[in-house]
C-alpha atoms as a PDB file:
ATOM      1  CA  UNK A   1       0.150  -0.297   0.178  1.00  0.00           C
ATOM      2  CA  UNK A   2       1.000   3.440  -0.565  1.00  0.00           C
ATOM      3  CA  UNK A   3       0.844   7.034   1.460  1.00  0.00           C
ATOM      4  CA  UNK A   4       2.398  10.445   1.591  1.00  0.00           C
ATOM      5  CA  UNK A   5       2.220  12.521   5.127  1.00  0.00           C
ATOM      6  CA  UNK A   6       0.326  15.806   5.599  1.00  0.00           C
ATOM      7  CA  UNK A   7       0.705  18.000   8.606  1.00  0.00           C
ATOM      8  CA  UNK A   8       1.010  13.929  10.782  1.00  0.00           C
ATOM      9  CA  UNK A   9      -1.951  13.131   8.844  1.00  0.00           C
ATOM     10  CA  UNK A  10      -1.066   9.861   6.161  1.00  0.00           C
ATOM     11  CA  UNK A  11      -3.048   9.263   3.507  1.00  0.00           C
ATOM     12  CA  UNK A  12      -3.744   6.282   2.294  1.00  0.00           C
ATOM     13  CA  UNK A  13      -2.718   6.844  -1.995  1.00  0.00           C
ATOM     14  CA  UNK A  14      -2.607   4.742  -5.077  1.00  0.00           C
ATOM     15  CA  UNK A  15      -1.146   4.830  -8.764  1.00  0.00           C
ATOM     16  CA  UNK A  16      -1.230   3.697 -11.213  1.00  0.00           C
ATOM     17  CA  UNK A  17      -0.114   3.814 -14.539  1.00  0.00           C
ATOM     18  CA  UNK A  18       3.092   4.333 -16.747  1.00  0.00           C
ATOM     19  CA  UNK A  19       5.253   6.928 -14.369  1.00  0.00           C
ATOM     20  CA  UNK A  20       5.350   9.023 -17.291  1.00  0.00           C
ATOM     21  CA  UNK A  21       1.563   9.661 -18.334  1.00  0.00           C
ATOM     22  CA  UNK A  22      -0.961  12.527 -19.033  1.00  0.00           C
ATOM     23  CA  UNK A  23      -2.169  12.626 -15.031  1.00  0.00           C
ATOM     24  CA  UNK A  24      -5.933  12.560 -14.138  1.00  0.00           C
ATOM     25  CA  UNK A  25      -6.566  13.176  -9.662  1.00  0.00           C
ATOM     26  CA  UNK A  26      -9.874  12.265  -8.488  1.00  0.00           C
ATOM     27  CA  UNK A  27     -11.384  12.729  -5.422  1.00  0.00           C
ATOM     28  CA  UNK A  28     -14.180  11.250  -3.709  1.00  0.00           C
ATOM     29  CA  UNK A  29     -17.698  11.916  -2.581  1.00  0.00           C
ATOM     30  CA  UNK A  30     -17.991  12.825   0.985  1.00  0.00           C
ATOM     31  CA  UNK A  31     -18.892   8.907   2.457  1.00  0.00           C
ATOM     32  CA  UNK A  32     -16.891   6.926   0.496  1.00  0.00           C
ATOM     33  CA  UNK A  33     -13.271   6.393  -0.206  1.00  0.00           C
ATOM     34  CA  UNK A  34     -10.534   5.490  -3.502  1.00  0.00           C
ATOM     35  CA  UNK A  35     -12.443   2.601  -4.669  1.00  0.00           C
ATOM     36  CA  UNK A  36     -15.631   5.105  -5.615  1.00  0.00           C
ATOM     37  CA  UNK A  37     -13.950   4.792  -8.996  1.00  0.00           C
ATOM     38  CA  UNK A  38     -12.774   1.255  -9.520  1.00  0.00           C
ATOM     39  CA  UNK A  39     -16.373   1.496 -11.983  1.00  0.00           C
ATOM     40  CA  UNK A  40     -14.563   4.011 -14.060  1.00  0.00           C
ATOM     41  CA  UNK A  41     -11.120   3.067 -13.906  1.00  0.00           C
ATOM     42  CA  UNK A  42     -10.650   0.557 -16.571  1.00  0.00           C
ATOM     43  CA  UNK A  43     -12.867   2.643 -18.902  1.00  0.00           C
ATOM     44  CA  UNK A  44     -10.790   4.746 -19.444  1.00  0.00           C
ATOM     45  CA  UNK A  45      -7.857   5.520 -21.964  1.00  0.00           C
ATOM     46  CA  UNK A  46      -5.055   3.435 -21.518  1.00  0.00           C
ATOM     47  CA  UNK A  47      -1.560   5.302 -20.775  1.00  0.00           C
ATOM     48  CA  UNK A  48      -3.007   7.835 -18.316  1.00  0.00           C
ATOM     49  CA  UNK A  49      -1.453   7.894 -15.118  1.00  0.00           C
ATOM     50  CA  UNK A  50      -4.021   7.488 -12.207  1.00  0.00           C
ATOM     51  CA  UNK A  51      -3.451   8.458  -9.102  1.00  0.00           C
ATOM     52  CA  UNK A  52      -6.600   7.798  -6.480  1.00  0.00           C
ATOM     53  CA  UNK A  53      -6.640   9.185  -2.478  1.00  0.00           C
ATOM     54  CA  UNK A  54      -8.238   8.591   0.459  1.00  0.00           C
ATOM     55  CA  UNK A  55      -9.264  12.007   2.203  1.00  0.00           C
ATOM     56  CA  UNK A  56      -8.723  12.161   5.656  1.00  0.00           C
ATOM     57  CA  UNK A  57     -11.212  10.779   8.272  1.00  0.00           C
ATOM     58  CA  UNK A  58     -11.970   8.319   4.751  1.00  0.00           C
ATOM     59  CA  UNK A  59     -10.767   5.424   4.339  1.00  0.00           C
ATOM     60  CA  UNK A  60      -7.403   3.930   5.268  1.00  0.00           C
ATOM     61  CA  UNK A  61      -6.260   7.936   5.471  1.00  0.00           C
ATOM     62  CA  UNK A  62      -6.167   8.540   8.699  1.00  0.00           C
ATOM     63  CA  UNK A  63      -8.878  10.373  10.409  1.00  0.00           C
ATOM     64  CA  UNK A  64      -7.332  12.983  13.123  1.00  0.00           C
ATOM     65  CA  UNK A  65     -10.347  14.726  15.185  1.00  0.00           C
ATOM     66  CA  UNK A  66     -12.754  17.279  13.085  1.00  0.00           C
ATOM     67  CA  UNK A  67     -13.897  19.572  12.456  1.00  0.00           C
ATOM     68  CA  UNK A  68     -11.549  19.998   8.739  1.00  0.00           C
ATOM     69  CA  UNK A  69     -11.613  22.404   5.916  1.00  0.00           C
ATOM     70  CA  UNK A  70     -11.633  22.924   2.582  1.00  0.00           C
ATOM     71  CA  UNK A  71      -8.722  24.539   3.055  1.00  0.00           C
ATOM     72  CA  UNK A  72      -7.291  22.136   4.912  1.00  0.00           C
ATOM     73  CA  UNK A  73      -8.463  18.361   2.374  1.00  0.00           C
ATOM     74  CA  UNK A  74      -6.589  20.491  -0.799  1.00  0.00           C
ATOM     75  CA  UNK A  75      -3.981  20.533   1.357  1.00  0.00           C
ATOM     76  CA  UNK A  76      -3.758  16.951   1.346  1.00  0.00           C
ATOM     77  CA  UNK A  77      -4.354  16.703  -2.056  1.00  0.00           C
ATOM     78  CA  UNK A  78      -1.178  19.427  -2.598  1.00  0.00           C
ATOM     79  CA  UNK A  79       1.461  17.708  -0.778  1.00  0.00           C
ATOM     80  CA  UNK A  80      -0.223  14.520  -2.214  1.00  0.00           C
ATOM     81  CA  UNK A  81       1.218  16.337  -5.613  1.00  0.00           C
ATOM     82  CA  UNK A  82       4.344  17.732  -4.459  1.00  0.00           C
ATOM     83  CA  UNK A  83       5.146  13.878  -3.022  1.00  0.00           C
ATOM     84  CA  UNK A  84       5.167  12.398  -6.336  1.00  0.00           C
ATOM     85  CA  UNK A  85       6.201  15.545  -7.845  1.00  0.00           C
ATOM     86  CA  UNK A  86       3.040  15.177 -10.321  1.00  0.00           C
ATOM     87  CA  UNK A  87       2.537  18.564 -11.677  1.00  0.00           C
ATOM     88  CA  UNK A  88      -0.338  18.895 -15.700  1.00  0.00           C
ATOM     89  CA  UNK A  89      -3.330  17.890 -13.641  1.00  0.00           C
ATOM     90  CA  UNK A  90      -5.995  17.105 -14.689  1.00  0.00           C
ATOM     91  CA  UNK A  91      -8.059  16.993 -10.951  1.00  0.00           C
ATOM     92  CA  UNK A  92     -11.893  15.417 -11.446  1.00  0.00           C
ATOM     93  CA  UNK A  93     -13.554  15.707  -8.405  1.00  0.00           C
ATOM     94  CA  UNK A  94     -16.927  14.831  -6.900  1.00  0.00           C
ATOM     95  CA  UNK A  95     -19.279  16.675  -4.639  1.00  0.00           C
ATOM     96  CA  UNK A  96     -16.768  17.360  -1.902  1.00  0.00           C
ATOM     97  CA  UNK A  97     -13.386  16.506  -4.682  1.00  0.00           C
ATOM     98  CA  UNK A  98     -15.139  18.835  -6.329  1.00  0.00           C
ATOM     99  CA  UNK A  99     -14.489  21.636  -3.499  1.00  0.00           C
ATOM    100  CA  UNK A 100     -11.616  20.274  -2.674  1.00  0.00           C
ATOM    101  CA  UNK A 101     -10.522  20.710  -6.158  1.00  0.00           C
ATOM    102  CA  UNK A 102     -11.965  24.738  -6.637  1.00  0.00           C
ATOM    103  CA  UNK A 103     -10.075  25.196  -3.241  1.00  0.00           C
ATOM    104  CA  UNK A 104      -7.122  23.115  -5.174  1.00  0.00           C
ATOM    105  CA  UNK A 105      -7.114  25.166  -7.949  1.00  0.00           C
ATOM    106  CA  UNK A 106      -7.281  29.166  -6.941  1.00  0.00           C
ATOM    107  CA  UNK A 107      -4.802  27.846  -3.803  1.00  0.00           C
ATOM    108  CA  UNK A 108      -1.880  26.221  -6.036  1.00  0.00           C
ATOM    109  CA  UNK A 109      -2.697  26.522  -9.655  1.00  0.00           C
ATOM    110  CA  UNK A 110       0.449  25.620 -10.923  1.00  0.00           C
ATOM    111  CA  UNK A 111      -0.734  21.893  -9.596  1.00  0.00           C
ATOM    112  CA  UNK A 112      -3.123  21.691 -12.702  1.00  0.00           C
ATOM    113  CA  UNK A 113      -4.066  21.306 -16.663  1.00  0.00           C
ATOM    114  CA  UNK A 114      -7.785  21.150 -15.890  1.00  0.00           C
ATOM    115  CA  UNK A 115     -10.652  20.403 -13.829  1.00  0.00           C
ATOM    116  CA  UNK A 116     -13.648  17.962 -14.195  1.00  0.00           C
ATOM    117  CA  UNK A 117     -16.051  19.159 -11.413  1.00  0.00           C
ATOM    118  CA  UNK A 118     -18.909  16.118 -10.701  1.00  0.00           C
ATOM    119  CA  UNK A 119     -21.515  16.413  -8.890  1.00  0.00           C
ATOM    120  CA  UNK A 120     -20.892  19.650  -6.653  1.00  0.00           C
ATOM    121  CA  UNK A 121     -20.984  23.560  -6.572  1.00  0.00           C
ATOM    122  CA  UNK A 122     -18.823  26.678  -5.115  1.00  0.00           C
ATOM    123  CA  UNK A 123     -21.136  25.777  -2.266  1.00  0.00           C
ATOM    124  CA  UNK A 124     -23.019  22.813  -1.750  1.00  0.00           C
ATOM    125  CA  UNK A 125     -26.351  23.537   1.342  1.00  0.00           C
ATOM    126  CA  UNK A 126     -26.424  25.451   3.806  1.00  0.00           C
ATOM    127  CA  UNK A 127     -23.704  24.967   7.815  1.00  0.00           C
ATOM    128  CA  UNK A 128     -27.210  24.569   9.804  1.00  0.00           C
ATOM    129  CA  UNK A 129     -28.804  22.043   7.871  1.00  0.00           C
ATOM    130  CA  UNK A 130     -24.805  19.628   7.699  1.00  0.00           C
ATOM    131  CA  UNK A 131     -24.462  20.559  11.477  1.00  0.00           C
ATOM    132  CA  UNK A 132     -27.929  19.271  12.485  1.00  0.00           C
ATOM    133  CA  UNK A 133     -25.556  15.725  10.304  1.00  0.00           C
ATOM    134  CA  UNK A 134     -22.820  16.464  11.751  1.00  0.00           C
ATOM    135  CA  UNK A 135     -24.839  15.895  14.674  1.00  0.00           C
ATOM    136  CA  UNK A 136     -26.939  13.050  14.527  1.00  0.00           C
ATOM    137  CA  UNK A 137     -23.760  11.440  13.565  1.00  0.00           C
ATOM    138  CA  UNK A 138     -22.026  12.045  16.303  1.00  0.00           C
ATOM    139  CA  UNK A 139     -25.195  10.774  18.710  1.00  0.00           C
ATOM    140  CA  UNK A 140     -26.523   8.160  16.491  1.00  0.00           C
ATOM    141  CA  UNK A 141     -23.456   6.572  14.278  1.00  0.00           C
ATOM    142  CA  UNK A 142     -23.616   7.220   9.916  1.00  0.00           C
ATOM    143  CA  UNK A 143     -25.557   4.211   9.945  1.00  0.00           C
ATOM    144  CA  UNK A 144     -29.073   6.199  11.095  1.00  0.00           C
ATOM    145  CA  UNK A 145     -28.985   7.776   8.336  1.00  0.00           C
ATOM    146  CA  UNK A 146     -26.970   5.710   5.980  1.00  0.00           C
ATOM    147  CA  UNK A 147     -30.398   5.152   4.062  1.00  0.00           C
ATOM    148  CA  UNK A 148     -31.357   8.635   3.240  1.00  0.00           C
ATOM    149  CA  UNK A 149     -27.783   9.367   2.033  1.00  0.00           C
ATOM    150  CA  UNK A 150     -27.795   5.883  -0.181  1.00  0.00           C
ATOM    151  CA  UNK A 151     -31.406   7.907  -1.516  1.00  0.00           C
ATOM    152  CA  UNK A 152     -30.008  10.639  -2.792  1.00  0.00           C
ATOM    153  CA  UNK A 153     -26.822   8.682  -4.305  1.00  0.00           C
ATOM    154  CA  UNK A 154     -28.217   6.681  -6.474  1.00  0.00           C
ATOM    155  CA  UNK A 155     -31.703   6.964  -9.442  1.00  0.00           C
ATOM    156  CA  UNK A 156     -34.803   5.861  -8.342  1.00  0.00           C
ATOM    157  CA  UNK A 157     -34.077   1.415  -9.082  1.00  0.00           C
ATOM    158  CA  UNK A 158     -30.666   1.238  -8.894  1.00  0.00           C
ATOM    159  CA  UNK A 159     -30.622  -0.400  -5.952  1.00  0.00           C
ATOM    160  CA  UNK A 160     -33.149  -3.589  -7.681  1.00  0.00           C
ATOM    161  CA  UNK A 161     -30.615  -4.015 -10.782  1.00  0.00           C
ATOM    162  CA  UNK A 162     -27.984  -3.738  -9.086  1.00  0.00           C
ATOM    163  CA  UNK A 163     -28.539  -4.707  -6.184  1.00  0.00           C
ATOM    164  CA  UNK A 164     -25.111  -6.448  -5.215  1.00  0.00           C
ATOM    165  CA  UNK A 165     -22.665  -2.882  -6.159  1.00  0.00           C
ATOM    166  CA  UNK A 166     -25.940  -1.307  -3.860  1.00  0.00           C
ATOM    167  CA  UNK A 167     -24.932  -3.017  -0.859  1.00  0.00           C
ATOM    168  CA  UNK A 168     -21.284  -2.453  -1.711  1.00  0.00           C
ATOM    169  CA  UNK A 169     -21.479   1.663  -1.357  1.00  0.00           C
ATOM    170  CA  UNK A 170     -24.020   0.831   2.349  1.00  0.00           C
ATOM    171  CA  UNK A 171     -20.832  -0.874   3.503  1.00  0.00           C
ATOM    172  CA  UNK A 172     -18.475   1.656   2.809  1.00  0.00           C
ATOM    173  CA  UNK A 173     -20.349   4.440   3.641  1.00  0.00           C
ATOM    174  CA  UNK A 174     -20.956   2.885   7.034  1.00  0.00           C
ATOM    175  CA  UNK A 175     -17.872   1.355   7.793  1.00  0.00           C
ATOM    176  CA  UNK A 176     -16.446   4.981   7.477  1.00  0.00           C
ATOM    177  CA  UNK A 177     -14.990   6.568  10.667  1.00  0.00           C
ATOM    178  CA  UNK A 178     -17.607   9.398  12.514  1.00  0.00           C
ATOM    179  CA  UNK A 179     -15.365  11.412  13.038  1.00  0.00           C
ATOM    180  CA  UNK A 180     -14.235  11.678   9.595  1.00  0.00           C
ATOM    181  CA  UNK A 181     -17.716  11.822   8.004  1.00  0.00           C
ATOM    182  CA  UNK A 182     -18.707  14.985  10.787  1.00  0.00           C
ATOM    183  CA  UNK A 183     -14.882  16.731  10.261  1.00  0.00           C
ATOM    184  CA  UNK A 184     -16.075  16.991   5.919  1.00  0.00           C
ATOM    185  CA  UNK A 185     -19.425  18.283   7.254  1.00  0.00           C
ATOM    186  CA  UNK A 186     -17.214  21.029   8.670  1.00  0.00           C
ATOM    187  CA  UNK A 187     -15.669  21.798   5.802  1.00  0.00           C
ATOM    188  CA  UNK A 188     -18.710  21.694   3.438  1.00  0.00           C
ATOM    189  CA  UNK A 189     -20.512  24.139   6.014  1.00  0.00           C
ATOM    190  CA  UNK A 190     -16.980  26.414   6.127  1.00  0.00           C
ATOM    191  CA  UNK A 191     -16.681  26.880   1.993  1.00  0.00           C
ATOM    192  CA  UNK A 192     -17.443  29.323  -0.047  1.00  0.00           C
ATOM    193  CA  UNK A 193     -15.989  29.053  -3.143  1.00  0.00           C
ATOM    194  CA  UNK A 194     -18.014  31.649  -5.372  1.00  0.00           C
ATOM    195  CA  UNK A 195     -15.678  34.114  -5.809  1.00  0.00           C
ATOM    196  CA  UNK A 196     -11.971  32.201  -5.768  1.00  0.00           C
ATOM    197  CA  UNK A 197     -13.856  29.713  -8.540  1.00  0.00           C
ATOM    198  CA  UNK A 198     -15.698  33.008 -10.482  1.00  0.00           C
ATOM    199  CA  UNK A 199     -11.624  34.257 -10.954  1.00  0.00           C
ATOM    200  CA  UNK A 200     -10.358  29.789 -12.379  1.00  0.00           C
ATOM    201  CA  UNK A 201      -9.108  30.783 -15.684  1.00  0.00           C
ATOM    202  CA  UNK A 202      -7.852  26.766 -16.859  1.00  0.00           C
ATOM    203  CA  UNK A 203     -10.312  24.129 -18.744  1.00  0.00           C
ATOM    204  CA  UNK A 204     -13.105  23.052 -16.332  1.00  0.00           C
ATOM    205  CA  UNK A 205     -15.230  20.627 -18.032  1.00  0.00           C
ATOM    206  CA  UNK A 206     -18.404  20.455 -15.239  1.00  0.00           C
ATOM    207  CA  UNK A 207     -20.986  17.170 -16.041  1.00  0.00           C
ATOM    208  CA  UNK A 208     -24.274  16.328 -12.724  1.00  0.00           C
ATOM    209  CA  UNK A 209     -26.682  13.025 -12.559  1.00  0.00           C
ATOM    210  CA  UNK A 210     -30.070  14.922 -13.868  1.00  0.00           C
ATOM    211  CA  UNK A 211     -31.644  12.871 -10.555  1.00  0.00           C
ATOM    212  CA  UNK A 212     -29.126  13.999  -7.934  1.00  0.00           C
ATOM    213  CA  UNK A 213     -30.520  15.397  -4.705  1.00  0.00           C
ATOM    214  CA  UNK A 214     -28.099  16.133  -3.020  1.00  0.00           C
ATOM    215  CA  UNK A 215     -26.257  18.593  -5.677  1.00  0.00           C
ATOM    216  CA  UNK A 216     -28.909  18.889  -8.536  1.00  0.00           C
ATOM    217  CA  UNK A 217     -27.728  19.843 -11.690  1.00  0.00           C
ATOM    218  CA  UNK A 218     -29.350  23.738 -11.557  1.00  0.00           C
ATOM    219  CA  UNK A 219     -26.394  23.597  -8.750  1.00  0.00           C
ATOM    220  CA  UNK A 220     -23.458  22.155 -11.543  1.00  0.00           C
ATOM    221  CA  UNK A 221     -24.606  23.792 -14.112  1.00  0.00           C
ATOM    222  CA  UNK A 222     -24.763  27.277 -11.750  1.00  0.00           C
ATOM    223  CA  UNK A 223     -20.930  26.534 -10.484  1.00  0.00           C
ATOM    224  CA  UNK A 224     -19.875  25.417 -14.122  1.00  0.00           C
ATOM    225  CA  UNK A 225     -21.777  29.190 -15.537  1.00  0.00           C
ATOM    226  CA  UNK A 226     -19.024  30.546 -12.345  1.00  0.00           C
ATOM    227  CA  UNK A 227     -16.095  29.875 -14.482  1.00  0.00           C
ATOM    228  CA  UNK A 228     -17.608  28.808 -18.000  1.00  0.00           C
ATOM    229  CA  UNK A 229     -17.257  25.794 -17.973  1.00  0.00           C
ATOM    230  CA  UNK A 230     -19.282  23.647 -20.450  1.00  0.00           C
ATOM    231  CA  UNK A 231     -22.028  21.528 -19.015  1.00  0.00           C
ATOM    232  CA  UNK A 232     -23.387  17.851 -18.337  1.00  0.00           C
ATOM    233  CA  UNK A 233     -26.631  16.319 -17.067  1.00  0.00           C
ATOM    234  CA  UNK A 234     -26.750  12.699 -17.356  1.00  0.00           C
ATOM    235  CA  UNK A 235     -29.486  10.248 -17.163  1.00  0.00           C
ATOM    236  CA  UNK A 236     -30.475   8.372 -14.688  1.00  0.00           C
ATOM    237  CA  UNK A 237     -27.963   9.027 -12.266  1.00  0.00           C
ATOM    238  CA  UNK A 238     -27.386  10.838  -8.984  1.00  0.00           C
ATOM    239  CA  UNK A 239     -24.787  11.537  -7.472  1.00  0.00           C
ATOM    240  CA  UNK A 240     -22.499   9.235  -8.157  1.00  0.00           C
ATOM    241  CA  UNK A 241     -22.799   8.607 -12.142  1.00  0.00           C
ATOM    242  CA  UNK A 242     -18.754   6.580 -12.119  1.00  0.00           C
ATOM    243  CA  UNK A 243     -21.067   4.646 -10.317  1.00  0.00           C
ATOM    244  CA  UNK A 244     -24.121   4.248 -12.506  1.00  0.00           C
ATOM    245  CA  UNK A 245     -22.620   5.147 -15.376  1.00  0.00           C
ATOM    246  CA  UNK A 246     -19.869   4.770 -15.744  1.00  0.00           C
ATOM    247  CA  UNK A 247     -19.414   4.364 -19.210  1.00  0.00           C
ATOM    248  CA  UNK A 248     -20.742   8.253 -20.225  1.00  0.00           C
ATOM    249  CA  UNK A 249     -18.230   9.371 -17.063  1.00  0.00           C
ATOM    250  CA  UNK A 250     -15.972   7.825 -19.391  1.00  0.00           C
ATOM    251  CA  UNK A 251     -16.207   9.560 -22.550  1.00  0.00           C
ATOM    252  CA  UNK A 252     -16.968  12.463 -21.417  1.00  0.00           C
ATOM    253  CA  UNK A 253     -13.888  11.671 -19.202  1.00  0.00           C
ATOM    254  CA  UNK A 254     -11.955  10.610 -23.016  1.00  0.00           C
ATOM    255  CA  UNK A 255     -12.993  13.314 -24.382  1.00  0.00           C
ATOM    256  CA  UNK A 256     -12.100  16.867 -22.009  1.00  0.00           C
ATOM    257  CA  UNK A 257      -8.752  14.797 -22.040  1.00  0.00           C
ATOM    258  CA  UNK A 258      -7.994  14.722 -25.811  1.00  0.00           C
ATOM    259  CA  UNK A 259      -9.226  19.012 -25.925  1.00  0.00           C
ATOM    260  CA  UNK A 260      -6.694  19.865 -23.275  1.00  0.00           C
END
């Protein structure tokens, strides 16, 4: 297993593909880890250097006490890039991973070549809503709210059509550390990247599942408009189109990589 340490936090990473390949780095959603992209990775063009990581408080990475900030999380991503000597990175960020990508692009423009924003926003939800979720998780654990989360993650019918994948996603969510989930909720609650995202000048592509109940398409479309990004809506998908429609996401990424 591979790891990078930053400010006393050990971050689990997976670095695959040729060292001299074009770098694509993936930032996962809240409550998921680097396995989120397993269905997408085999569909991407050969020759890419694919870097995935578990953000702090998730997967095999350390789980320091919260709260965290988006600056903490994008600082972790930057530390991974620096440790692996990555430059000209295309960062693909989903949900909180998209916030990390926006922050990274604004704070460390020397690292990124292009940015893909998937089911995310420059600001996501209201602080009071996130505090209620933090309180629920700290009081009763992630499993107490997992049904509601999974209902937002996937389009209706996904569980029935693919029960094994749905069950594995539930396991990934519920087995994550409560403190890590709560810490990242605090990071989202405190993040308003509207001003900095509006100043981004690198190529950006945004996409959203048409049935995403967490970050609806209109939110993602508005975020894309801030920085002049192209926008794609993915039919029959919820918050995790890389799981529900990996072939559609792969085709969009392949086209974007070919143009940037």
